[in-house]
Amino acid sequence: MKASDKYTAETITELYTWAPNLFSFKTTRSQSYRFIAGQFARLGVEGDHGELVWRAYSICSAPYDEFLEFYSIVVPDGAFTSRLAQLKVGDQVLVEKKNYGYLTTDRFECGKDLWLLSTGTGLAPFLSILQEFDTWEKYENIVLVHSVRYRHELAYQEFIHSFKENELFTEYAHKLKYVPLVTRDQAERSMLNDRITNLLTNGELEAHVGLPIDRERSRVMICGNPDMVQETRQILTDRGLTVSLRGKPGNLAVENYW
């Protein structure tokens, strides 16, 4: 596959399988490619008949990394992910030169607590945001919630815990409260065992973390399956929180690239 004025051809350098239906991969990165932590890229692969198939993928890696990293689910018979899952180290994917998305912390003003609510591969943009030093300096508390169906789908746990040992972040690592959720497995005693929306409705999530979600303190980012995003947004707007818009900062930021 050749590059064009709209995209570059990047090479897969690493592949990692988290579960039979979940994998992550790294690619080379064009020196001219720029993005803000939390944004997504549009990736292209060649379809069965030689056509190009494009999909949006949040970027896991940091804006300063020399590579791009993505986290993917395999959709059975999906035109894109089933093809992507067949690729090997050394194969190529296309990356549009333009960056996309508004799930970025610059949407917010002030605030003390940053809540990052995710399901499945919706974790990806938050991994990038956590690698930005400004995120840790700006907030007193950072709450990362990752909801999956089964425990083996809790990807990137070692990476999330590694901030405590990372010399760049160790001074601030105490601010991070990581909340893994499983909805279909029996959870460990210390874990919550329900959907994000239910835990917000019944107050268990905030009680577990020890922080309230309110307009003054909280800034909330939501990424995951469309139903969760819509339901969570509704629950929080009913509490008086507002979606942050250009020129009108609010408390909520959501990503809609499905």
C-alpha atoms as a PDB file:
ATOM      1  CA  MET A   1       0.000   0.000   0.000  1.00  0.00           C
ATOM      2  CA  LYS A   2       1.311   3.400  -0.946  1.00  0.00           C
ATOM      3  CA  ALA A   3       1.006   6.702   0.840  1.00  0.00           C
ATOM      4  CA  SER A   4      -0.892   9.627  -0.649  1.00  0.00           C
ATOM      5  CA  ASP A   5      -1.432  13.288   0.127  1.00  0.00           C
ATOM      6  CA  LYS A   6      -4.166  12.221   2.591  1.00  0.00           C
ATOM      7  CA  TYR A   7      -2.486   9.351   4.432  1.00  0.00           C
ATOM      8  CA  THR A   8       0.816   7.650   5.163  1.00  0.00           C
ATOM      9  CA  ALA A   9       1.640   3.939   5.076  1.00  0.00           C
ATOM     10  CA  GLU A  10       2.928   2.831   8.484  1.00  0.00           C
ATOM     11  CA  THR A  11       4.483  -0.495   9.457  1.00  0.00           C
ATOM     12  CA  ILE A  12       3.286  -2.686  12.316  1.00  0.00           C
ATOM     13  CA  THR A  13       6.204  -3.109  14.729  1.00  0.00           C
ATOM     14  CA  GLU A  14       4.561  -4.953  17.652  1.00  0.00           C
ATOM     15  CA  LEU A  15       1.452  -7.048  18.286  1.00  0.00           C
ATOM     16  CA  TYR A  16       0.074  -8.143  21.640  1.00  0.00           C
ATOM     17  CA  THR A  17      -2.917 -10.416  22.277  1.00  0.00           C
ATOM     18  CA  TRP A  18      -4.869  -9.648  25.471  1.00  0.00           C
ATOM     19  CA  ALA A  19      -7.706 -12.114  24.903  1.00  0.00           C
ATOM     20  CA  PRO A  20      -9.032 -14.109  21.923  1.00  0.00           C
ATOM     21  CA  ASN A  21     -11.045 -11.063  20.860  1.00  0.00           C
ATOM     22  CA  LEU A  22      -8.702  -8.273  22.019  1.00  0.00           C
ATOM     23  CA  PHE A  23      -5.295  -7.169  20.815  1.00  0.00           C
ATOM     24  CA  SER A  24      -3.103  -4.091  20.644  1.00  0.00           C
ATOM     25  CA  PHE A  25      -0.508  -3.094  18.089  1.00  0.00           C
ATOM     26  CA  LYS A  26       2.164  -0.491  17.532  1.00  0.00           C
ATOM     27  CA  THR A  27       3.117   1.101  14.238  1.00  0.00           C
ATOM     28  CA  THR A  28       5.771   3.440  12.987  1.00  0.00           C
ATOM     29  CA  ARG A  29       4.820   7.108  13.101  1.00  0.00           C
ATOM     30  CA  SER A  30       5.346   9.739  10.462  1.00  0.00           C
ATOM     31  CA  GLN A  31       7.413  12.628  11.833  1.00  0.00           C
ATOM     32  CA  SER A  32       4.748  15.019  10.587  1.00  0.00           C
ATOM     33  CA  TYR A  33       1.840  13.294  12.372  1.00  0.00           C
ATOM     34  CA  ARG A  34       0.487  15.333  15.279  1.00  0.00           C
ATOM     35  CA  PHE A  35      -2.308  14.665  17.751  1.00  0.00           C
ATOM     36  CA  ILE A  36      -3.534  15.674  21.203  1.00  0.00           C
ATOM     37  CA  ALA A  37      -3.863  13.011  23.916  1.00  0.00           C
ATOM     38  CA  GLY A  38      -7.400  11.634  23.731  1.00  0.00           C
ATOM     39  CA  GLN A  39      -7.821  12.069  19.994  1.00  0.00           C
ATOM     40  CA  PHE A  40      -8.320   9.292  17.459  1.00  0.00           C
ATOM     41  CA  ALA A  41      -6.822   8.390  14.106  1.00  0.00           C
ATOM     42  CA  ARG A  42      -8.469   6.959  11.020  1.00  0.00           C
ATOM     43  CA  LEU A  43      -6.791   3.736   9.954  1.00  0.00           C
ATOM     44  CA  GLY A  44      -7.092   2.008   6.617  1.00  0.00           C
ATOM     45  CA  VAL A  45      -6.557  -1.600   5.543  1.00  0.00           C
ATOM     46  CA  GLU A  46      -7.059  -3.347   2.245  1.00  0.00           C
ATOM     47  CA  GLY A  47     -10.331  -5.251   1.983  1.00  0.00           C
ATOM     48  CA  ASP A  48     -10.958  -8.639   0.412  1.00  0.00           C
ATOM     49  CA  HIS A  49     -11.443  -7.105  -3.016  1.00  0.00           C
ATOM     50  CA  GLY A  50      -8.577  -4.615  -2.905  1.00  0.00           C
ATOM     51  CA  GLU A  51     -10.722  -1.732  -1.675  1.00  0.00           C
ATOM     52  CA  LEU A  52      -9.612   0.422   1.250  1.00  0.00           C
ATOM     53  CA  VAL A  53     -11.641   0.064   4.453  1.00  0.00           C
ATOM     54  CA  TRP A  54     -11.340   2.833   7.066  1.00  0.00           C
ATOM     55  CA  ARG A  55     -12.170   2.929  10.778  1.00  0.00           C
ATOM     56  CA  ALA A  56     -11.603   5.329  13.680  1.00  0.00           C
ATOM     57  CA  TYR A  57      -9.205   4.203  16.412  1.00  0.00           C
ATOM     58  CA  SER A  58      -8.323   6.092  19.579  1.00  0.00           C
ATOM     59  CA  ILE A  59      -4.581   6.406  20.109  1.00  0.00           C
ATOM     60  CA  CYS A  60      -3.153   4.755  23.247  1.00  0.00           C
ATOM     61  CA  SER A  61       0.349   6.148  22.921  1.00  0.00           C
ATOM     62  CA  ALA A  62       1.507   9.552  24.101  1.00  0.00           C
ATOM     63  CA  PRO A  63       1.817  12.533  21.747  1.00  0.00           C
ATOM     64  CA  TYR A  64       5.579  12.499  22.365  1.00  0.00           C
ATOM     65  CA  ASP A  65       6.116   8.788  21.542  1.00  0.00           C
ATOM     66  CA  GLU A  66       7.898   7.924  18.321  1.00  0.00           C
ATOM     67  CA  PHE A  67       5.325   5.217  17.583  1.00  0.00           C
ATOM     68  CA  LEU A  68       1.530   4.963  17.455  1.00  0.00           C
ATOM     69  CA  GLU A  69      -0.320   2.387  19.561  1.00  0.00           C
ATOM     70  CA  PHE A  70      -3.892   1.176  19.142  1.00  0.00           C
ATOM     71  CA  TYR A  71      -6.186  -1.180  21.068  1.00  0.00           C
ATOM     72  CA  SER A  72      -8.703  -3.232  19.101  1.00  0.00           C
ATOM     73  CA  ILE A  73     -11.530  -5.695  19.481  1.00  0.00           C
ATOM     74  CA  VAL A  74     -12.104  -8.344  16.819  1.00  0.00           C
ATOM     75  CA  VAL A  75     -15.637  -8.093  15.441  1.00  0.00           C
ATOM     76  CA  PRO A  76     -16.683 -11.461  13.953  1.00  0.00           C
ATOM     77  CA  ASP A  77     -16.996 -11.062  10.185  1.00  0.00           C
ATOM     78  CA  GLY A  78     -16.158  -7.372  10.525  1.00  0.00           C
ATOM     79  CA  ALA A  79     -14.774  -5.978   7.282  1.00  0.00           C
ATOM     80  CA  PHE A  80     -12.080  -4.059   9.157  1.00  0.00           C
ATOM     81  CA  THR A  81     -11.156  -5.816  12.398  1.00  0.00           C
ATOM     82  CA  SER A  82     -11.165  -9.336  10.954  1.00  0.00           C
ATOM     83  CA  ARG A  83      -8.673  -8.143   8.329  1.00  0.00           C
ATOM     84  CA  LEU A  84      -6.663  -6.170  10.892  1.00  0.00           C
ATOM     85  CA  ALA A  85      -6.431  -9.219  13.155  1.00  0.00           C
ATOM     86  CA  GLN A  86      -4.718 -11.146  10.344  1.00  0.00           C
ATOM     87  CA  LEU A  87      -1.904  -8.620   9.967  1.00  0.00           C
ATOM     88  CA  LYS A  88       1.580  -9.450  11.222  1.00  0.00           C
ATOM     89  CA  VAL A  89       4.632  -7.498  12.316  1.00  0.00           C
ATOM     90  CA  GLY A  90       6.063  -5.968   9.163  1.00  0.00           C
ATOM     91  CA  ASP A  91       2.679  -5.491   7.477  1.00  0.00           C
ATOM     92  CA  GLN A  92       1.337  -2.052   6.751  1.00  0.00           C
ATOM     93  CA  VAL A  93      -1.696  -0.008   7.751  1.00  0.00           C
ATOM     94  CA  LEU A  94      -2.657   3.399   6.440  1.00  0.00           C
ATOM     95  CA  VAL A  95      -2.957   6.377   8.789  1.00  0.00           C
ATOM     96  CA  GLU A  96      -4.803   9.507   7.714  1.00  0.00           C
ATOM     97  CA  LYS A  97      -2.624  12.578   8.163  1.00  0.00           C
ATOM     98  CA  LYS A  98      -5.409  14.477   9.924  1.00  0.00           C
ATOM     99  CA  ASN A  99      -6.166  13.944  13.630  1.00  0.00           C
ATOM    100  CA  TYR A 100      -9.706  13.818  14.993  1.00  0.00           C
ATOM    101  CA  GLY A 101     -11.767  14.119  18.132  1.00  0.00           C
ATOM    102  CA  TYR A 102     -12.604  16.322  21.098  1.00  0.00           C
ATOM    103  CA  LEU A 103     -12.056  13.927  24.001  1.00  0.00           C
ATOM    104  CA  THR A 104      -9.225  16.098  25.279  1.00  0.00           C
ATOM    105  CA  THR A 105      -8.576  17.706  28.649  1.00  0.00           C
ATOM    106  CA  ASP A 106      -8.285  21.170  27.103  1.00  0.00           C
ATOM    107  CA  ARG A 107     -12.098  21.084  26.877  1.00  0.00           C
ATOM    108  CA  PHE A 108     -12.217  21.751  30.620  1.00  0.00           C
ATOM    109  CA  GLU A 109     -11.526  24.697  32.872  1.00  0.00           C
ATOM    110  CA  CYS A 110     -10.675  24.383  36.567  1.00  0.00           C
ATOM    111  CA  GLY A 111     -11.940  21.263  38.319  1.00  0.00           C
ATOM    112  CA  LYS A 112     -10.315  19.149  41.029  1.00  0.00           C
ATOM    113  CA  ASP A 113     -11.228  15.581  40.059  1.00  0.00           C
ATOM    114  CA  LEU A 114     -10.867  14.019  36.611  1.00  0.00           C
ATOM    115  CA  TRP A 115     -13.113  10.989  36.019  1.00  0.00           C
ATOM    116  CA  LEU A 116     -12.256   8.741  33.055  1.00  0.00           C
ATOM    117  CA  LEU A 117     -15.160   6.342  32.445  1.00  0.00           C
ATOM    118  CA  SER A 118     -14.600   3.591  29.877  1.00  0.00           C
ATOM    119  CA  THR A 119     -15.886   0.269  28.642  1.00  0.00           C
ATOM    120  CA  GLY A 120     -13.835  -2.207  26.606  1.00  0.00           C
ATOM    121  CA  THR A 121     -11.466  -0.626  24.097  1.00  0.00           C
ATOM    122  CA  GLY A 122     -12.817   2.788  25.147  1.00  0.00           C
ATOM    123  CA  LEU A 123      -9.916   2.662  27.608  1.00  0.00           C
ATOM    124  CA  ALA A 124      -7.510   3.616  24.799  1.00  0.00           C
ATOM    125  CA  PRO A 125      -7.711   7.445  24.797  1.00  0.00           C
ATOM    126  CA  PHE A 126      -7.366   7.534  28.580  1.00  0.00           C
ATOM    127  CA  LEU A 127      -4.065   5.663  28.381  1.00  0.00           C
ATOM    128  CA  SER A 128      -2.766   8.497  26.231  1.00  0.00           C
ATOM    129  CA  ILE A 129      -4.192  11.174  28.538  1.00  0.00           C
ATOM    130  CA  LEU A 130      -2.525   9.535  31.558  1.00  0.00           C
ATOM    131  CA  GLN A 131       0.858   9.859  29.856  1.00  0.00           C
ATOM    132  CA  GLU A 132       0.536  13.626  29.711  1.00  0.00           C
ATOM    133  CA  PHE A 133       2.321  15.273  32.635  1.00  0.00           C
ATOM    134  CA  ASP A 134      -0.142  18.178  32.657  1.00  0.00           C
ATOM    135  CA  THR A 135      -2.980  15.793  33.525  1.00  0.00           C
ATOM    136  CA  TRP A 136      -1.297  14.862  36.797  1.00  0.00           C
ATOM    137  CA  GLU A 137      -0.347  18.423  37.696  1.00  0.00           C
ATOM    138  CA  LYS A 138      -3.760  19.872  36.979  1.00  0.00           C
ATOM    139  CA  TYR A 139      -5.968  17.546  39.058  1.00  0.00           C
ATOM    140  CA  GLU A 140      -6.006  16.491  42.704  1.00  0.00           C
ATOM    141  CA  ASN A 141      -7.575  13.130  41.857  1.00  0.00           C
ATOM    142  CA  ILE A 142      -7.727  11.058  38.678  1.00  0.00           C
ATOM    143  CA  VAL A 143     -10.284   8.242  38.644  1.00  0.00           C
ATOM    144  CA  LEU A 144      -9.887   5.674  35.870  1.00  0.00           C
ATOM    145  CA  VAL A 145     -12.874   3.332  35.571  1.00  0.00           C
ATOM    146  CA  HIS A 146     -12.618   0.423  33.117  1.00  0.00           C
ATOM    147  CA  SER A 147     -15.628  -1.849  32.706  1.00  0.00           C
ATOM    148  CA  VAL A 148     -15.421  -5.199  30.881  1.00  0.00           C
ATOM    149  CA  ARG A 149     -17.498  -8.355  30.764  1.00  0.00           C
ATOM    150  CA  TYR A 150     -14.864 -10.817  31.979  1.00  0.00           C
ATOM    151  CA  ARG A 151     -11.752 -10.425  34.118  1.00  0.00           C
ATOM    152  CA  HIS A 152      -9.381 -11.578  31.371  1.00  0.00           C
ATOM    153  CA  GLU A 153     -10.501  -8.538  29.346  1.00  0.00           C
ATOM    154  CA  LEU A 154      -8.986  -6.087  31.846  1.00  0.00           C
ATOM    155  CA  ALA A 155      -6.136  -5.047  29.570  1.00  0.00           C
ATOM    156  CA  TYR A 156      -3.229  -2.715  30.384  1.00  0.00           C
ATOM    157  CA  GLN A 157      -3.431  -3.293  34.148  1.00  0.00           C
ATOM    158  CA  GLU A 158       0.336  -3.627  34.502  1.00  0.00           C
ATOM    159  CA  PHE A 159       0.815  -0.403  32.556  1.00  0.00           C
ATOM    160  CA  ILE A 160      -1.752   1.438  34.715  1.00  0.00           C
ATOM    161  CA  HIS A 161      -0.051   0.286  37.923  1.00  0.00           C
ATOM    162  CA  SER A 162       3.387   1.192  36.541  1.00  0.00           C
ATOM    163  CA  PHE A 163       2.907   4.926  37.137  1.00  0.00           C
ATOM    164  CA  LYS A 164       3.890   4.290  40.763  1.00  0.00           C
ATOM    165  CA  GLU A 165       7.350   3.179  39.632  1.00  0.00           C
ATOM    166  CA  ASN A 166       7.770   5.640  36.764  1.00  0.00           C
ATOM    167  CA  GLU A 167      10.242   8.305  37.906  1.00  0.00           C
ATOM    168  CA  LEU A 168       8.404  10.977  35.906  1.00  0.00           C
ATOM    169  CA  PHE A 169       5.070  10.281  37.598  1.00  0.00           C
ATOM    170  CA  THR A 170       5.896   8.697  40.946  1.00  0.00           C
ATOM    171  CA  GLU A 171       5.463  12.000  42.809  1.00  0.00           C
ATOM    172  CA  TYR A 172       1.884  12.246  41.536  1.00  0.00           C
ATOM    173  CA  ALA A 173       0.927   8.561  41.235  1.00  0.00           C
ATOM    174  CA  HIS A 174      -1.010   8.648  44.517  1.00  0.00           C
ATOM    175  CA  LYS A 175      -3.618  10.758  42.723  1.00  0.00           C
ATOM    176  CA  LEU A 176      -4.699   7.851  40.516  1.00  0.00           C
ATOM    177  CA  LYS A 177      -7.627   5.722  41.628  1.00  0.00           C
ATOM    178  CA  TYR A 178      -8.012   2.753  39.277  1.00  0.00           C
ATOM    179  CA  VAL A 179     -11.424   1.054  39.350  1.00  0.00           C
ATOM    180  CA  PRO A 180     -11.713  -2.133  37.262  1.00  0.00           C
ATOM    181  CA  LEU A 181     -15.257  -3.449  36.821  1.00  0.00           C
ATOM    182  CA  VAL A 182     -16.481  -6.817  35.547  1.00  0.00           C
ATOM    183  CA  THR A 183     -20.127  -7.300  34.656  1.00  0.00           C
ATOM    184  CA  ARG A 184     -20.427 -11.016  33.837  1.00  0.00           C
ATOM    185  CA  ASP A 185     -17.677 -12.645  35.900  1.00  0.00           C
ATOM    186  CA  GLN A 186     -17.720 -12.966  39.634  1.00  0.00           C
ATOM    187  CA  ALA A 187     -15.536 -10.092  40.778  1.00  0.00           C
ATOM    188  CA  GLU A 188     -12.859 -10.260  43.446  1.00  0.00           C
ATOM    189  CA  ARG A 189     -13.977  -9.034  46.860  1.00  0.00           C
ATOM    190  CA  SER A 190     -12.281  -5.669  46.462  1.00  0.00           C
ATOM    191  CA  MET A 191     -13.884  -5.063  43.043  1.00  0.00           C
ATOM    192  CA  LEU A 192     -17.278  -3.765  42.040  1.00  0.00           C
ATOM    193  CA  ASN A 193     -19.382  -6.163  40.007  1.00  0.00           C
ATOM    194  CA  ASP A 194     -21.838  -4.086  37.967  1.00  0.00           C
ATOM    195  CA  ARG A 195     -22.231  -1.720  35.012  1.00  0.00           C
ATOM    196  CA  ILE A 196     -21.008   1.880  35.215  1.00  0.00           C
ATOM    197  CA  THR A 197     -24.525   3.234  34.717  1.00  0.00           C
ATOM    198  CA  ASN A 198     -25.969   1.164  37.588  1.00  0.00           C
ATOM    199  CA  LEU A 199     -23.108   2.126  39.896  1.00  0.00           C
ATOM    200  CA  LEU A 200     -23.650   5.808  39.127  1.00  0.00           C
ATOM    201  CA  THR A 201     -27.393   5.516  39.697  1.00  0.00           C
ATOM    202  CA  ASN A 202     -27.119   3.731  43.045  1.00  0.00           C
ATOM    203  CA  GLY A 203     -24.136   5.777  44.262  1.00  0.00           C
ATOM    204  CA  GLU A 204     -21.830   2.779  44.719  1.00  0.00           C
ATOM    205  CA  LEU A 205     -19.120   4.038  42.361  1.00  0.00           C
ATOM    206  CA  GLU A 206     -18.621   7.321  44.192  1.00  0.00           C
ATOM    207  CA  ALA A 207     -18.807   5.594  47.575  1.00  0.00           C
ATOM    208  CA  HIS A 208     -16.176   3.080  46.455  1.00  0.00           C
ATOM    209  CA  VAL A 209     -13.820   5.832  45.263  1.00  0.00           C
ATOM    210  CA  GLY A 210     -14.597   8.170  48.142  1.00  0.00           C
ATOM    211  CA  LEU A 211     -15.347  11.149  45.916  1.00  0.00           C
ATOM    212  CA  PRO A 212     -18.620  12.693  44.749  1.00  0.00           C
ATOM    213  CA  ILE A 213     -19.276  13.618  41.142  1.00  0.00           C
ATOM    214  CA  ASP A 214     -20.482  17.212  41.213  1.00  0.00           C
ATOM    215  CA  ARG A 215     -20.375  20.323  39.052  1.00  0.00           C
ATOM    216  CA  GLU A 216     -17.771  22.196  41.057  1.00  0.00           C
ATOM    217  CA  ARG A 217     -15.107  19.532  41.462  1.00  0.00           C
ATOM    218  CA  SER A 218     -15.676  16.982  38.722  1.00  0.00           C
ATOM    219  CA  ARG A 219     -14.650  16.843  35.086  1.00  0.00           C
ATOM    220  CA  VAL A 220     -15.857  13.640  33.433  1.00  0.00           C
ATOM    221  CA  MET A 221     -14.719  11.996  30.186  1.00  0.00           C
ATOM    222  CA  ILE A 222     -16.724   9.093  28.738  1.00  0.00           C
ATOM    223  CA  CYS A 223     -15.645   6.611  26.061  1.00  0.00           C
ATOM    224  CA  GLY A 224     -16.958   3.176  25.185  1.00  0.00           C
ATOM    225  CA  ASN A 225     -19.942   1.500  23.602  1.00  0.00           C
ATOM    226  CA  PRO A 226     -22.594   3.968  22.367  1.00  0.00           C
ATOM    227  CA  ASP A 227     -25.308   2.813  24.782  1.00  0.00           C
ATOM    228  CA  MET A 228     -23.052   3.304  27.810  1.00  0.00           C
ATOM    229  CA  VAL A 229     -21.909   6.707  26.569  1.00  0.00           C
ATOM    230  CA  GLN A 230     -25.483   7.898  26.007  1.00  0.00           C
ATOM    231  CA  GLU A 231     -26.851   6.499  29.288  1.00  0.00           C
ATOM    232  CA  THR A 232     -23.961   7.833  31.370  1.00  0.00           C
ATOM    233  CA  ARG A 233     -24.217  11.231  29.753  1.00  0.00           C
ATOM    234  CA  GLN A 234     -27.956  11.324  30.541  1.00  0.00           C
ATOM    235  CA  ILE A 235     -27.442  10.284  34.171  1.00  0.00           C
ATOM    236  CA  LEU A 236     -24.869  13.026  34.699  1.00  0.00           C
ATOM    237  CA  THR A 237     -26.723  15.757  32.812  1.00  0.00           C
ATOM    238  CA  ASP A 238     -29.764  14.958  34.967  1.00  0.00           C
ATOM    239  CA  ARG A 239     -27.512  15.834  37.921  1.00  0.00           C
ATOM    240  CA  GLY A 240     -26.775  19.221  36.407  1.00  0.00           C
ATOM    241  CA  LEU A 241     -23.467  18.519  34.649  1.00  0.00           C
ATOM    242  CA  THR A 242     -23.107  19.910  31.122  1.00  0.00           C
ATOM    243  CA  VAL A 243     -21.241  18.837  28.001  1.00  0.00           C
ATOM    244  CA  SER A 244     -18.235  21.030  27.319  1.00  0.00           C
ATOM    245  CA  LEU A 245     -18.526  22.926  24.039  1.00  0.00           C
ATOM    246  CA  ARG A 246     -16.227  25.291  22.202  1.00  0.00           C
ATOM    247  CA  GLY A 247     -16.388  28.616  23.961  1.00  0.00           C
ATOM    248  CA  LYS A 248     -18.674  27.165  26.638  1.00  0.00           C
ATOM    249  CA  PRO A 249     -16.690  24.946  29.034  1.00  0.00           C
ATOM    250  CA  GLY A 250     -18.689  22.330  30.930  1.00  0.00           C
ATOM    251  CA  ASN A 251     -18.138  19.234  33.043  1.00  0.00           C
ATOM    252  CA  LEU A 252     -18.481  16.429  30.472  1.00  0.00           C
ATOM    253  CA  ALA A 253     -16.592  15.332  27.366  1.00  0.00           C
ATOM    254  CA  VAL A 254     -17.711  12.378  25.249  1.00  0.00           C
ATOM    255  CA  GLU A 255     -16.419  10.698  22.121  1.00  0.00           C
ATOM    256  CA  ASN A 256     -18.782   9.704  19.344  1.00  0.00           C
ATOM    257  CA  TYR A 257     -16.946   8.023  16.491  1.00  0.00           C
ATOM    258  CA  TRP A 258     -19.184   5.019  16.024  1.00  0.00           C
END
